[in-house]
Amino acid sequence: MANLNSKRPIEEESSSSSEEEESMEEGEDDEEQLGENDKEIQVEFAGQSPCPEDFHGIRSLLHQLFLKAHIDLGELTDLIIQQNYIGSILQQCVDEDDSDEDENSVEEVFGITSVINLSHHKNVNCIKEVNKYLLEKTQKKLASLFDDSSNRIGLLFNERFINIPPQVSVPLLENLCKEIDEAKKEGKPFDFTHFILISKLHESTRKDAEAKKKKAKGGNILWVNAEEEPISEIGETLGEYSVQQESDSAVSGTWGEDEEQFDPKRRIILITANQLPQVVTKIKEFLE
């Protein structure tokens, strides 16, 4: 089991604008001043070890990454839960009084940060499907890496609900690094040589001269998980592909007719195991 004490609570707080604060100082009612989407919300999250009760929540997060890919997400979810000493799920902190009122309720899974050893589990059906998917989407650029038996490749999962801020990723990734080190010392199969991350992004569909300039500078891309931009800068991009035909509005977002249009994509990034600490440091600097 993972040491839950090392999984730090993470607080999300959205503050009201200065104009709203001025109006509140004048004594006007908060509800009248704040629109439905502008209300101040304070939510505290905590990382927990995955357990069987989290199956459906984790599977849903994997689905938003893989969409309609031919991968047994149920079996992949089971693998993540079986190795519950590695990785964290993100859940909202609940007061003890509230939890006592509904002991049978299942807490919602807001995120998953974990890693699966693709080399160790290469004979498991869902991992065969994942590897086939990665080879196809990288046009077999990963073939030599997979064929070399000395390589131990981990697939990183960094999934969460779209409206949760990227700052939560730092303690979750830091904790993952610690758990990987502890597992290695115990002789468990987490002594990786490489990591693969499938990143979600949106790319502008504009084709004019200004858009081409922005593309050259990387300015035409919106990252779903902002902290993955510095990972892309450190790692090697092996594949990028559109998922427009597989996405729905809940996953890919909707754009008004007068707004700039964006194409939902996936980017496959490769980093070495030695680069993982550097990645966490870069993410911290990027978010600060």
Protein backbone atom coordinates (compact mmCIF):
# COMPACT_ATOMS: atom_id res chain seq x y z
CA MET A 1 0.00 0.00 0.00
CA ALA A 2 1.16 3.51 -0.71
CA ASN A 3 1.98 5.87 2.12
CA LEU A 4 -1.07 8.12 2.05
CA ASN A 5 0.55 10.58 4.44
CA SER A 6 2.87 11.59 1.63
CA LYS A 7 -0.06 12.34 -0.64
CA ARG A 8 -0.66 15.96 0.17
CA PRO A 9 -4.10 17.57 0.11
CA ILE A 10 -4.45 19.97 -2.80
CA GLU A 11 -6.71 22.98 -2.57
CA GLU A 12 -8.40 24.67 -5.52
CA GLU A 13 -9.83 28.12 -5.01
CA SER A 14 -11.21 30.43 -7.67
CA SER A 15 -11.37 34.07 -6.57
CA SER A 16 -13.81 36.72 -7.66
CA SER A 17 -12.75 39.67 -9.80
CA SER A 18 -11.84 43.11 -8.39
CA GLU A 19 -15.07 44.58 -9.76
CA GLU A 20 -17.08 41.96 -7.92
CA GLU A 21 -15.13 42.62 -4.72
CA GLU A 22 -15.90 46.35 -4.99
CA SER A 23 -19.59 45.67 -5.40
CA MET A 24 -19.57 43.36 -2.38
CA GLU A 25 -17.87 46.07 -0.33
CA GLU A 26 -20.82 48.28 -1.21
CA GLY A 27 -23.04 45.74 0.55
CA GLU A 28 -24.66 44.17 -2.50
CA ASP A 29 -25.73 40.56 -2.31
CA ASP A 30 -23.12 38.00 -3.54
CA GLU A 31 -25.62 35.88 -5.43
CA GLU A 32 -26.95 38.91 -7.33
CA GLN A 33 -23.42 40.00 -8.32
CA LEU A 34 -22.00 36.63 -9.39
CA GLY A 35 -23.21 34.77 -12.42
CA GLU A 36 -23.74 31.03 -12.35
CA ASN A 37 -20.23 30.38 -13.69
CA ASP A 38 -18.51 33.11 -11.66
CA LYS A 39 -19.33 31.99 -8.14
CA GLU A 40 -16.40 31.54 -5.79
CA ILE A 41 -15.72 27.84 -5.28
CA GLN A 42 -13.32 26.30 -2.80
CA VAL A 43 -12.57 22.61 -3.21
CA GLU A 44 -9.94 20.50 -1.49
CA PHE A 45 -8.58 17.38 -3.18
CA ALA A 46 -6.42 14.56 -1.88
CA GLY A 47 -4.47 11.79 -3.58
CA GLN A 48 -5.41 8.26 -2.53
CA SER A 49 -4.30 4.79 -3.52
CA PRO A 50 -6.65 3.27 -6.12
CA CYS A 51 -9.02 0.57 -4.88
CA PRO A 52 -11.66 -1.68 -6.52
CA GLU A 53 -14.42 0.83 -5.74
CA ASP A 54 -12.67 3.30 -8.05
CA PHE A 55 -12.97 1.03 -11.09
CA HIS A 56 -15.66 2.95 -12.99
CA GLY A 57 -14.11 6.35 -12.25
CA ILE A 58 -10.67 5.29 -13.46
CA ARG A 59 -12.10 3.59 -16.53
CA SER A 60 -13.96 6.78 -17.47
CA LEU A 61 -10.73 8.78 -17.26
CA LEU A 62 -8.95 6.24 -19.47
CA HIS A 63 -11.81 6.48 -21.96
CA GLN A 64 -11.36 10.25 -22.32
CA LEU A 65 -7.73 9.53 -23.29
CA PHE A 66 -8.20 6.56 -25.64
CA LEU A 67 -11.76 7.34 -26.84
CA LYS A 68 -12.78 4.68 -29.39
CA ALA A 69 -9.44 2.87 -29.57
CA HIS A 70 -9.65 -0.94 -29.61
CA ILE A 71 -8.29 -1.37 -26.07
CA ASP A 72 -9.85 -3.30 -23.20
CA LEU A 73 -10.05 -0.39 -20.76
CA GLY A 74 -11.63 -2.57 -18.08
CA GLU A 75 -8.62 -4.88 -18.02
CA LEU A 76 -6.27 -1.90 -18.10
CA THR A 77 -8.12 -0.38 -15.14
CA ASP A 78 -7.77 -3.65 -13.23
CA LEU A 79 -3.99 -3.55 -13.75
CA ILE A 80 -3.82 -0.03 -12.30
CA ILE A 81 -5.86 -1.08 -9.26
CA GLN A 82 -3.87 -4.29 -8.71
CA GLN A 83 -0.64 -2.28 -8.35
CA ASN A 84 -2.21 0.07 -5.79
CA TYR A 85 1.17 0.80 -4.20
CA ILE A 86 1.96 2.87 -7.30
CA GLY A 87 0.05 5.96 -8.37
CA SER A 88 -2.81 8.04 -7.01
CA ILE A 89 -6.39 8.81 -7.76
CA LEU A 90 -7.65 12.33 -7.09
CA GLN A 91 -10.72 12.63 -4.87
CA GLN A 92 -12.50 15.46 -3.15
CA CYS A 93 -11.86 15.67 0.58
CA VAL A 94 -15.06 14.88 2.49
CA ASP A 95 -15.82 15.87 6.07
CA GLU A 96 -16.18 12.93 8.45
CA ASP A 97 -19.72 14.06 9.32
CA ASP A 98 -20.72 13.97 5.64
CA SER A 99 -19.16 10.55 5.03
CA ASP A 100 -20.99 9.10 8.05
CA GLU A 101 -24.34 10.15 6.58
CA ASP A 102 -23.86 8.08 3.43
CA GLU A 103 -21.47 5.20 4.09
CA ASN A 104 -22.52 3.36 0.92
CA SER A 105 -21.75 6.25 -1.46
CA VAL A 106 -18.83 5.88 -3.88
CA GLU A 107 -16.52 8.87 -4.03
CA GLU A 108 -15.99 10.30 -7.49
CA VAL A 109 -12.58 9.93 -9.12
CA PHE A 110 -11.43 13.32 -10.44
CA GLY A 111 -8.01 12.22 -11.71
CA ILE A 112 -5.51 9.39 -12.06
CA THR A 113 -1.71 9.62 -11.97
CA SER A 114 0.02 6.28 -12.45
CA VAL A 115 2.30 4.19 -14.65
CA ILE A 116 1.98 0.73 -16.19
CA ASN A 117 5.00 -1.37 -17.15
CA LEU A 118 4.37 -2.19 -20.83
CA SER A 119 7.39 -4.49 -20.97
CA HIS A 120 6.54 -6.52 -17.87
CA HIS A 121 2.89 -6.96 -18.89
CA LYS A 122 3.55 -7.43 -22.62
CA ASN A 123 1.64 -10.73 -22.69
CA VAL A 124 -1.52 -9.27 -21.12
CA ASN A 125 -4.24 -8.75 -23.71
CA CYS A 126 -4.93 -5.05 -23.02
CA ILE A 127 -1.19 -4.24 -23.08
CA LYS A 128 -0.86 -5.98 -26.43
CA GLU A 129 -3.65 -3.69 -27.64
CA VAL A 130 -1.97 -0.61 -26.14
CA ASN A 131 1.36 -1.48 -27.77
CA LYS A 132 -0.34 -2.06 -31.14
CA TYR A 133 -2.08 1.30 -30.78
CA LEU A 134 1.19 3.10 -29.95
CA LEU A 135 3.01 1.47 -32.88
CA GLU A 136 0.23 2.45 -35.27
CA LYS A 137 0.01 6.06 -34.06
CA THR A 138 3.80 6.55 -34.18
CA GLN A 139 4.11 4.85 -37.59
CA LYS A 140 6.24 2.15 -35.91
CA LYS A 141 8.78 4.63 -34.54
CA LEU A 142 8.53 2.75 -31.24
CA ALA A 143 9.24 -0.64 -32.85
CA SER A 144 12.97 -0.66 -32.13
CA LEU A 145 12.35 0.42 -28.53
CA PHE A 146 9.79 -2.36 -27.99
CA ASP A 147 11.97 -4.98 -29.70
CA ASP A 148 14.99 -4.35 -27.46
CA SER A 149 14.53 -6.62 -24.44
CA SER A 150 16.86 -4.46 -22.33
CA ASN A 151 14.30 -1.63 -22.40
CA ARG A 152 11.71 -1.37 -19.65
CA ILE A 153 8.99 0.99 -20.84
CA GLY A 154 6.37 2.65 -18.68
CA LEU A 155 3.14 4.21 -19.92
CA LEU A 156 2.41 7.33 -17.85
CA PHE A 157 -1.18 8.27 -17.01
CA ASN A 158 -1.83 11.91 -16.15
CA GLU A 159 -5.61 12.22 -16.51
CA ARG A 160 -8.14 14.39 -14.70
CA PHE A 161 -11.31 16.37 -15.19
CA ILE A 162 -10.79 19.30 -17.53
CA ASN A 163 -11.70 22.03 -15.01
CA ILE A 164 -9.18 21.01 -12.33
CA PRO A 165 -6.11 23.31 -12.31
CA PRO A 166 -2.68 21.98 -13.38
CA GLN A 167 -1.12 22.75 -9.97
CA VAL A 168 -2.55 19.48 -8.63
CA SER A 169 -0.19 17.56 -10.94
CA VAL A 170 2.96 18.55 -9.01
CA PRO A 171 2.39 16.67 -5.71
CA LEU A 172 0.86 13.74 -7.61
CA LEU A 173 3.88 13.39 -9.91
CA GLU A 174 6.30 13.91 -7.03
CA ASN A 175 4.57 11.15 -5.11
CA LEU A 176 4.66 8.87 -8.16
CA CYS A 177 8.43 9.34 -8.43
CA LYS A 178 8.86 8.41 -4.74
CA GLU A 179 6.69 5.34 -5.10
CA ILE A 180 8.60 4.20 -8.19
CA ASP A 181 11.89 4.52 -6.27
CA GLU A 182 10.47 2.57 -3.31
CA ALA A 183 9.16 -0.18 -5.61
CA LYS A 184 12.56 -0.47 -7.34
CA LYS A 185 14.29 -0.93 -3.96
CA GLU A 186 11.86 -3.75 -3.17
CA GLY A 187 12.67 -5.46 -6.47
CA LYS A 188 9.28 -4.80 -8.06
CA PRO A 189 9.07 -4.28 -11.86
CA PHE A 190 9.31 -0.49 -11.90
CA ASP A 191 12.95 0.02 -12.87
CA PHE A 192 12.17 1.86 -16.09
CA THR A 193 14.44 2.99 -18.90
CA HIS A 194 11.77 5.03 -20.74
CA PHE A 195 8.35 6.57 -20.24
CA ILE A 196 5.63 7.20 -22.83
CA LEU A 197 2.98 9.89 -22.32
CA ILE A 198 -0.08 10.37 -24.52
CA SER A 199 -0.91 14.08 -24.29
CA LYS A 200 -4.23 15.74 -25.13
CA LEU A 201 -4.18 19.04 -27.01
CA HIS A 202 -6.15 21.22 -29.40
CA GLU A 203 -4.59 22.77 -32.51
CA SER A 204 -6.00 25.75 -34.38
CA THR A 205 -7.43 24.90 -37.79
CA ARG A 206 -6.64 28.36 -39.21
CA LYS A 207 -4.45 28.29 -42.33
CA ASP A 208 -3.72 32.00 -42.92
CA ALA A 209 -0.29 33.65 -42.71
CA GLU A 210 -0.76 34.75 -39.10
CA ALA A 211 -1.69 31.21 -38.09
CA LYS A 212 1.44 29.84 -39.77
CA LYS A 213 3.57 32.28 -37.77
CA LYS A 214 1.88 31.20 -34.55
CA LYS A 215 2.36 27.54 -35.46
CA ALA A 216 6.09 28.07 -35.97
CA LYS A 217 6.26 29.41 -32.41
CA GLY A 218 3.93 26.76 -31.01
CA GLY A 219 1.34 29.41 -30.22
CA ASN A 220 -1.57 27.74 -32.00
CA ILE A 221 -1.89 24.90 -29.49
CA LEU A 222 -4.07 24.63 -26.39
CA TRP A 223 -2.95 21.96 -23.93
CA VAL A 224 -5.72 20.17 -22.05
CA ASN A 225 -3.27 19.53 -19.20
CA ALA A 226 -1.07 22.64 -19.19
CA GLU A 227 1.79 20.92 -17.33
CA GLU A 228 2.37 18.62 -20.29
CA GLU A 229 3.69 21.45 -22.46
CA PRO A 230 7.13 21.44 -20.72
CA ILE A 231 7.13 17.62 -20.91
CA SER A 232 6.76 17.94 -24.68
CA GLU A 233 9.68 20.39 -24.76
CA ILE A 234 11.96 17.98 -22.88
CA GLY A 235 10.83 14.75 -24.53
CA GLU A 236 10.74 13.48 -28.09
CA THR A 237 7.48 13.66 -30.04
CA LEU A 238 6.97 10.36 -31.86
CA GLY A 239 3.47 10.86 -33.15
CA GLU A 240 0.60 13.33 -33.36
CA TYR A 241 -2.88 12.63 -34.69
CA SER A 242 -6.39 14.04 -34.78
CA VAL A 243 -9.23 12.48 -32.77
CA GLN A 244 -11.90 14.76 -34.21
CA GLN A 245 -13.97 11.84 -35.50
CA GLU A 246 -13.86 10.07 -32.14
CA SER A 247 -14.53 13.01 -29.81
CA ASP A 248 -17.74 14.45 -28.47
CA SER A 249 -18.21 17.98 -27.14
CA ALA A 250 -17.65 16.87 -23.54
CA VAL A 251 -14.15 15.72 -24.43
CA SER A 252 -13.08 18.01 -27.25
CA GLY A 253 -14.93 21.22 -26.35
CA THR A 254 -17.25 23.32 -28.45
CA TRP A 255 -16.38 26.45 -30.41
CA GLY A 256 -18.80 29.14 -31.54
CA GLU A 257 -19.16 30.01 -35.21
CA ASP A 258 -17.32 33.30 -34.67
CA GLU A 259 -14.55 31.72 -32.58
CA GLU A 260 -11.28 30.23 -33.75
CA GLN A 261 -11.77 26.53 -34.44
CA PHE A 262 -9.54 23.89 -32.84
CA ASP A 263 -8.90 20.27 -33.77
CA PRO A 264 -8.65 17.81 -30.82
CA LYS A 265 -5.42 15.82 -31.05
CA ARG A 266 -3.16 13.41 -29.22
CA ARG A 267 0.61 13.66 -29.04
CA ILE A 268 2.81 10.71 -28.08
CA ILE A 269 5.88 11.84 -26.14
CA LEU A 270 8.90 9.73 -25.16
CA ILE A 271 11.22 10.60 -22.27
CA THR A 272 14.00 8.61 -20.64
CA ALA A 273 13.70 7.55 -17.02
CA ASN A 274 16.60 9.85 -16.16
CA GLN A 275 14.58 12.80 -17.46
CA LEU A 276 11.61 12.25 -15.13
CA PRO A 277 13.00 14.29 -12.18
CA GLN A 278 13.89 17.06 -14.65
CA VAL A 279 10.33 16.95 -15.97
CA VAL A 280 8.85 17.47 -12.49
CA THR A 281 11.23 20.40 -11.86
CA LYS A 282 10.33 21.95 -15.21
CA ILE A 283 6.62 21.62 -14.48
CA LYS A 284 7.07 23.43 -11.16
CA GLU A 285 8.93 26.27 -12.87
CA PHE A 286 6.37 26.43 -15.67
CA LEU A 287 3.41 26.66 -13.32
CA GLU A 288 5.08 29.26 -11.12
